[in-house]
Protein backbone atom coordinates (compact mmCIF):
# COMPACT_ATOMS: atom_id res chain seq x y z
CA MET A 1 133.93 219.88 -18.33
CA GLN A 2 133.66 218.96 -14.70
CA PRO A 3 133.83 221.91 -12.31
CA LEU A 4 136.87 221.96 -10.10
CA GLU A 5 136.26 220.92 -6.51
CA PRO A 6 136.81 223.70 -4.00
CA PRO A 7 140.11 223.45 -2.16
CA MET A 8 140.14 221.91 1.30
CA PRO A 9 140.05 224.51 4.06
CA PRO A 10 143.27 224.94 6.01
CA PRO A 11 143.51 223.10 9.34
CA PRO A 12 142.50 225.10 12.40
CA ASP A 13 145.19 226.85 14.37
CA ILE A 14 145.29 224.92 17.63
CA SER A 15 148.57 226.26 18.89
CA HIS A 16 148.46 227.48 22.45
CA PRO A 17 151.05 227.86 25.20
CA GLY A 18 151.33 224.62 27.13
CA ILE A 19 149.56 222.50 24.47
CA MET A 20 151.40 220.08 22.21
CA ALA A 21 149.34 218.84 19.26
CA ILE A 22 150.10 215.35 17.89
CA ASP A 23 148.65 214.05 14.61
CA ILE A 24 147.09 210.65 15.40
CA THR A 25 145.42 210.12 12.02
CA ASP A 26 147.71 207.28 10.94
CA HIS A 27 147.49 205.56 14.33
CA PHE A 28 143.71 205.87 14.33
CA THR A 29 143.39 204.50 10.79
CA ALA A 30 145.63 201.54 11.64
CA ALA A 31 143.62 200.79 14.80
CA VAL A 32 140.32 200.86 12.91
CA LYS A 33 141.61 198.27 10.43
CA THR A 34 142.04 195.75 13.25
CA LEU A 35 138.31 195.80 14.02
CA SER A 36 135.93 193.26 12.54
CA PRO A 37 132.82 194.50 10.67
CA GLY A 38 130.22 195.60 13.26
CA GLU A 39 132.71 195.65 16.11
CA ILE A 40 132.95 198.81 18.19
CA VAL A 41 135.17 200.04 20.98
CA LYS A 42 133.45 201.89 23.80
CA ASP A 43 134.91 203.49 26.88
CA ASP A 44 132.86 202.92 30.05
CA HIS A 45 132.73 206.66 30.67
CA PHE A 46 131.69 207.52 27.10
CA ALA A 47 127.89 207.57 27.47
CA LEU A 48 125.03 208.69 25.22
CA PHE A 49 125.54 212.33 26.14
CA GLU A 50 129.15 212.27 24.98
CA SER A 51 128.22 210.30 21.84
CA VAL A 52 125.65 212.85 20.71
CA SER A 53 127.95 215.71 21.69
CA ALA A 54 130.62 214.29 19.37
CA LEU A 55 128.35 214.42 16.32
CA GLU A 56 128.82 217.16 13.75
CA ILE A 57 131.68 218.82 15.58
CA MET A 58 132.44 222.30 14.20
CA ASP A 59 129.00 222.50 12.59
CA ARG A 60 127.31 225.62 13.97
CA LYS A 61 123.90 224.00 13.69
CA MET A 62 124.96 221.11 15.91
CA ASP A 63 128.02 222.19 17.91
CA SER A 64 127.40 224.83 20.58
CA GLY A 65 131.15 225.10 21.16
CA VAL A 66 132.01 226.52 17.74
CA LEU A 67 133.66 229.91 18.12
CA SER A 68 134.04 232.74 15.66
CA GLU A 69 137.38 234.45 15.19
CA GLY A 70 138.28 236.21 18.44
CA GLU A 71 135.13 234.97 20.23
CA SER A 72 135.39 233.86 23.85
CA LEU A 73 134.05 230.47 24.95
CA ASP A 74 132.25 231.90 27.97
CA GLU A 75 129.82 234.77 28.29
CA GLU A 76 131.81 237.83 29.34
CA TYR A 77 128.92 239.88 30.72
CA ASP A 78 129.67 241.06 34.27
CA VAL A 79 126.65 240.50 36.53
CA THR A 80 128.22 242.77 39.17
CA ARG A 81 128.21 245.79 36.84
CA GLY A 82 126.22 248.82 37.86
CA LEU A 83 122.83 249.23 36.21
CA LEU A 84 120.53 252.17 35.68
CA PRO A 85 117.05 251.74 37.22
CA GLU A 86 115.65 251.77 33.68
CA GLU A 87 117.98 248.92 32.74
CA ILE A 88 116.77 246.88 35.73
CA LEU A 89 113.23 247.38 34.45
CA GLY A 90 114.31 246.23 30.99
CA ILE A 91 115.94 243.06 32.34
CA ILE A 92 112.89 242.19 34.46
CA ASP A 93 110.55 242.74 31.53
CA GLN A 94 112.70 240.55 29.29
CA LEU A 95 112.62 237.86 31.98
CA LEU A 96 108.83 238.10 32.01
CA CYS A 97 108.82 237.48 28.25
CA LEU A 98 111.11 234.47 28.65
CA GLU A 99 109.03 233.12 31.52
CA MET A 100 105.87 233.28 29.42
CA ALA A 101 107.67 231.62 26.51
CA TRP A 102 108.48 228.76 28.91
CA HIS A 103 104.81 228.56 29.96
CA LEU A 104 103.95 228.31 26.26
CA GLY A 105 106.06 225.15 25.99
CA TYR A 106 109.53 226.25 24.90
CA PRO A 107 112.46 224.63 26.76
CA LEU A 108 114.34 226.36 29.55
CA SER A 109 117.52 226.41 27.46
CA GLN A 110 115.88 228.80 24.99
CA THR A 111 114.02 230.90 27.55
CA VAL A 112 114.81 231.48 31.24
CA LEU A 113 118.25 229.87 31.15
CA THR A 114 119.51 232.34 28.55
CA SER A 115 119.66 234.99 31.31
CA VAL A 116 123.17 235.64 32.57
CA TYR A 117 121.69 236.69 35.92
CA VAL A 118 119.70 233.46 36.30
CA GLU A 119 122.83 231.48 35.48
CA ALA A 120 124.79 233.44 38.09
CA LEU A 121 122.12 232.66 40.70
CA MET A 122 122.31 228.92 40.12
CA ASN A 123 125.95 228.30 39.25
CA PRO A 124 127.75 227.72 41.56
CA TYR A 125 124.99 226.02 43.50
CA PRO A 126 123.91 228.44 46.27
CA ALA A 127 123.35 227.23 49.82
CA THR A 128 121.24 230.18 51.01
CA ILE A 129 119.37 233.11 49.51
CA ASP A 130 122.16 235.49 50.66
CA GLU A 131 124.51 234.05 48.11
CA GLU A 132 122.60 235.22 45.36
CA GLU A 133 109.34 224.48 38.39
CA ASP A 134 109.13 222.12 37.93
CA PHE A 135 106.70 220.46 35.68
CA VAL A 136 109.02 220.44 32.66
CA THR A 137 110.95 217.24 32.28
CA ASN A 138 114.33 218.75 31.43
CA THR A 139 116.05 221.23 33.73
CA TYR A 140 119.48 220.67 32.16
CA GLU A 141 121.03 219.85 35.55
CA ARG A 142 119.98 223.23 36.90
CA ASN A 143 118.25 223.23 40.27
CA LEU A 144 115.96 226.24 40.15
CA LEU A 145 116.56 227.23 43.79
CA SER A 146 114.08 224.60 44.98
CA HIS A 147 116.10 224.18 48.18
CA ILE A 148 115.53 227.83 49.15
CA PRO A 149 112.44 228.24 51.40
CA VAL A 150 109.69 230.22 49.72
CA LEU A 151 109.36 232.36 52.84
CA ALA A 152 112.99 233.49 52.49
CA ILE A 153 112.33 234.54 48.89
CA LYS A 154 109.19 236.45 49.91
CA ASP A 155 111.13 238.21 52.68
CA LEU A 156 113.83 239.22 50.20
CA LEU A 157 111.25 240.60 47.77
CA GLN A 158 109.50 242.48 50.56
CA ALA A 159 112.81 243.95 51.74
CA ALA A 160 113.43 245.20 48.20
CA ILE A 161 109.99 246.85 48.18
CA THR A 162 110.73 248.54 51.50
CA GLU A 163 113.99 249.85 50.06
CA LEU A 164 112.18 251.20 46.99
CA ARG A 165 109.66 253.06 49.18
CA ALA A 166 112.40 254.86 51.07
CA PRO A 167 112.87 258.50 49.96
CA LYS A 168 115.25 258.83 47.00
CA ASP A 169 116.54 261.82 45.10
CA ASP A 170 118.38 259.96 42.33
CA VAL A 171 115.60 257.63 41.13
CA PRO A 172 112.35 259.01 39.64
CA GLN A 173 109.21 258.03 41.52
CA GLU A 174 107.63 256.43 38.45
CA ILE A 175 110.64 254.11 38.10
CA CYS A 176 110.33 253.07 41.75
CA ALA A 177 106.62 252.41 41.24
CA ALA A 178 107.33 250.31 38.14
CA LEU A 179 109.93 248.22 39.98
CA GLU A 180 107.54 247.73 42.90
CA SER A 181 104.78 246.51 40.56
CA ARG A 182 107.07 243.79 39.25
CA LEU A 183 108.13 242.72 42.74
CA GLN A 184 104.50 242.67 43.89
CA LEU A 185 103.64 240.50 40.89
CA ARG A 186 106.22 237.91 41.97
CA ILE A 187 105.02 237.92 45.59
CA ALA A 188 101.41 237.49 44.44
CA PHE A 189 102.42 234.59 42.19
CA LEU A 190 104.10 232.79 45.09
CA LYS A 191 100.97 233.36 47.21
CA ALA A 192 98.76 231.99 44.44
CA VAL A 193 100.82 228.80 44.21
CA ASP A 194 100.75 228.36 47.99
CA LEU A 195 96.99 228.89 48.23
CA SER A 196 96.28 226.54 45.33
CA ALA A 197 97.66 223.74 47.52
CA MET A 198 94.94 224.41 50.13
CA ARG A 199 92.34 222.28 48.41
CA ASN A 200 89.65 222.52 51.08
CA ASP A 201 89.43 226.33 51.15
CA THR A 202 86.12 227.27 49.53
CA SER A 203 86.42 230.97 50.39
CA GLU A 204 87.46 233.70 47.98
CA ALA A 205 90.99 233.83 49.48
CA PRO A 206 92.67 231.56 46.87
CA LYS A 207 91.38 233.88 44.12
CA LEU A 208 92.77 237.11 45.54
CA PRO A 209 96.39 236.73 44.31
CA TRP A 210 95.17 235.95 40.77
CA ILE A 211 92.94 239.05 40.83
CA GLN A 212 95.86 241.13 42.10
CA MET A 213 98.16 239.82 39.36
CA ARG A 214 95.59 240.62 36.70
CA ARG A 215 95.54 244.23 37.91
CA LEU A 216 99.33 244.42 38.23
CA ILE A 217 99.97 243.20 34.68
CA ASP A 218 97.96 246.18 33.39
CA ASP A 219 100.19 248.52 35.39
CA ILE A 220 103.32 246.73 34.15
CA GLU A 221 102.15 247.01 30.57
CA ASN A 222 101.64 250.75 30.94
CA GLN A 223 105.04 251.20 32.62
CA HIS A 224 107.03 249.27 30.02
CA GLY A 225 107.88 252.46 28.14
CA LEU A 226 110.13 253.43 31.05
CA ALA A 227 112.34 250.37 30.59
CA LYS A 228 115.67 250.28 28.77
CA SER A 229 116.62 246.94 27.25
CA VAL A 230 119.93 245.25 28.09
CA PRO A 231 120.27 242.59 25.36
CA GLU A 232 123.80 241.64 26.44
CA ALA A 233 122.37 240.29 29.72
CA PHE A 234 120.94 237.35 27.76
CA SER A 235 122.96 234.92 25.70
CA THR A 236 122.60 231.57 23.97
CA LYS A 237 126.25 230.94 24.88
CA LEU A 238 124.95 229.73 28.23
CA GLN A 239 123.63 226.63 26.45
CA ARG A 240 127.23 225.40 26.38
CA ARG A 241 127.13 224.99 30.15
CA LEU A 242 123.89 223.01 30.22
CA ALA A 243 123.67 219.23 30.28
CA SER A 244 121.85 218.69 27.00
CA THR A 245 122.05 216.44 23.97
CA MET A 246 120.28 219.09 21.90
CA PRO A 247 122.17 221.20 19.38
CA PRO A 248 122.24 224.96 19.95
CA ARG A 249 118.93 226.71 19.51
CA PRO A 250 118.12 230.44 19.24
CA MET A 251 116.56 232.29 22.15
CA VAL A 252 112.76 232.51 21.97
CA LYS A 253 111.70 236.13 21.60
CA LEU A 254 108.18 237.25 22.47
CA SER A 255 107.22 240.87 22.09
CA PHE A 256 106.19 242.53 25.34
CA GLU A 257 102.68 242.97 23.94
CA GLU A 258 102.44 239.22 23.31
CA CYS A 259 103.86 238.53 26.75
CA THR A 260 101.33 240.66 28.62
CA SER A 261 98.46 239.34 26.49
CA HIS A 262 99.33 235.77 27.46
CA PHE A 263 99.77 236.73 31.12
CA LYS A 264 96.34 238.37 31.21
CA ARG A 265 94.73 235.14 30.02
CA PHE A 266 97.00 233.13 32.34
CA PHE A 267 95.84 235.08 35.41
CA LEU A 268 92.19 234.95 34.38
CA ASN A 269 92.38 231.16 33.95
CA GLY A 270 94.13 230.88 37.34
CA ASN A 271 91.24 232.76 38.90
CA GLU A 272 88.67 230.61 37.12
CA VAL A 273 90.25 227.28 38.01
CA ILE A 274 89.71 227.94 41.74
CA ASP A 275 85.95 227.68 41.11
CA VAL A 276 86.34 223.91 40.90
CA LEU A 277 86.38 223.91 44.72
CA GLN A 278 82.74 225.08 44.73
CA TYR A 279 81.57 221.49 44.58
CA THR A 280 77.83 220.73 44.64
CA ASP A 281 77.51 217.37 42.88
CA PRO A 282 79.45 215.12 40.45
CA GLN A 283 77.50 216.34 37.43
CA SER A 284 78.29 220.01 38.04
CA LEU A 285 81.92 219.08 38.66
CA LEU A 286 82.10 217.22 35.35
CA ASN A 287 80.46 220.13 33.53
CA PHE A 288 83.00 222.53 34.98
CA ILE A 289 85.93 220.38 33.83
CA LEU A 290 84.55 219.88 30.33
CA LEU A 291 83.82 223.59 29.86
CA PHE A 292 87.18 224.63 31.30
CA GLN A 293 89.07 222.27 29.00
CA ALA A 294 87.00 223.29 25.97
CA GLN A 295 88.24 226.89 26.06
CA LYS A 296 90.00 228.16 22.94
CA PRO A 297 92.85 228.74 23.34
CA GLN A 298 93.19 226.06 25.98
CA PRO A 299 94.51 227.12 29.42
CA LEU A 300 98.28 226.75 29.69
CA VAL A 301 99.88 223.65 31.15
CA PHE A 302 100.65 225.31 34.49
CA ILE A 303 96.96 226.11 35.04
CA ARG A 304 95.86 222.65 33.93
CA THR A 305 98.35 221.18 36.38
CA ILE A 306 96.74 223.19 39.20
CA LEU A 307 93.36 221.80 38.17
CA GLN A 308 94.70 218.25 38.21
CA ASN A 309 96.20 218.84 41.66
CA LEU A 310 92.93 220.22 43.01
CA LEU A 311 91.00 217.30 41.60
CA PHE A 312 93.00 214.20 42.32
CA LYS A 313 96.07 214.76 44.49
CA ASP A 314 96.69 211.74 46.74
CA MET A 315 93.49 210.23 45.32
CA VAL A 316 91.42 212.68 47.38
CA VAL A 317 88.92 214.60 45.27
CA LEU A 318 89.02 218.37 45.90
CA GLY A 319 90.87 217.76 49.15
CA ARG A 320 87.66 216.64 50.85
CA PHE A 321 86.17 213.55 49.28
CA SER A 322 87.37 210.01 48.88
CA ILE A 323 86.62 208.12 45.70
CA ARG A 324 83.99 206.18 47.67
CA GLN A 325 82.24 209.38 48.71
CA LEU A 326 82.17 210.56 45.13
CA LEU A 327 80.60 207.26 44.12
CA ASP A 328 77.98 207.69 46.80
CA HIS A 329 77.20 211.18 45.53
CA ASP A 330 77.07 210.04 41.93
CA LYS A 331 73.80 208.53 40.74
CA TYR A 332 75.37 207.68 37.42
CA LEU A 333 78.66 205.79 37.61
CA PRO A 334 79.76 206.79 34.08
CA ILE A 335 80.41 210.31 35.41
CA LEU A 336 83.15 209.00 37.70
CA GLY A 337 84.62 206.99 34.85
CA THR A 338 84.72 210.10 32.70
CA MET A 339 86.49 212.02 35.46
CA LEU A 340 89.08 209.29 35.87
CA ARG A 341 89.74 209.34 32.13
CA LEU A 342 90.17 213.11 32.35
CA GLN A 343 92.69 212.58 35.16
CA TRP A 344 94.68 210.30 32.84
CA LYS A 345 94.45 212.93 30.09
CA PHE A 346 95.84 215.57 32.43
CA SER A 347 98.69 213.32 33.51
CA VAL A 348 99.85 212.69 29.93
CA SER A 349 99.32 216.25 28.70
CA GLU A 350 102.33 218.18 27.46
């Protein structure tokens, strides 16, 4: 005996004030019958993005707009709500975990862009920093404040540090110190990126921010116990606002221990990569690149991008030598060929 097929689910309740629903099934079926086999009808404004978005509608694995009973379409978290200092620590530490997950190769939609605060910073598009990168190929139509001068961001961070150092009776000193460590980490990171662009500086100055960050991440790791998590400040609902043909994906979750472990290696590799500027001859340069790339685990993409920039930006080697000068220094032309192949490898790396 054949099992009975399950009954069809009832149609969704689409009644709403001001909306009149009309059943177009018969009209649609009749229109389809007028088409020849292989013939399609396409609206000029119905592009690939809309086509993929229309697939598997109401399937939770494919449709980010599917709502549960009583669920709101938009994230209802209020970014203007008051926060305890411990909660601010928790949000910053969660952002550090998401940032590292992005460095590890996960997309922005599953990492940094799940933060309600990050979304509030970028949407609507801010004109200045008072309104409160990118080597990944997909930013989901989100401009990550690239139009804001770095100096303005540093000044804002420094102003926050000055405010933290002012005498306070309502915030414990250890909380203020923990918040300052995280702000100092961000300032040091911006300095490291700036100094890595100065390709002819053979002093120890470009290394100093990386050394400072390595020390700060130890402090941050020890202070993490003071933080109080705020899970509602992060939501995959924000994926609905992003320009993406990808179905909804869960947020990537690294433990804080994993996060700090990766950051320690990240800062050490950033310190090491600056040594490429200590050029003596093509052979030593090639040895440095081969040994640096042979590390297990391999340095993260961000660090390898810095190395590529130091080596070959604008076809000037290490910011000082033309290709001709490198040839003149090189007694064995295959070394240059190997370096050029490595440049191609860097450019096509993930």
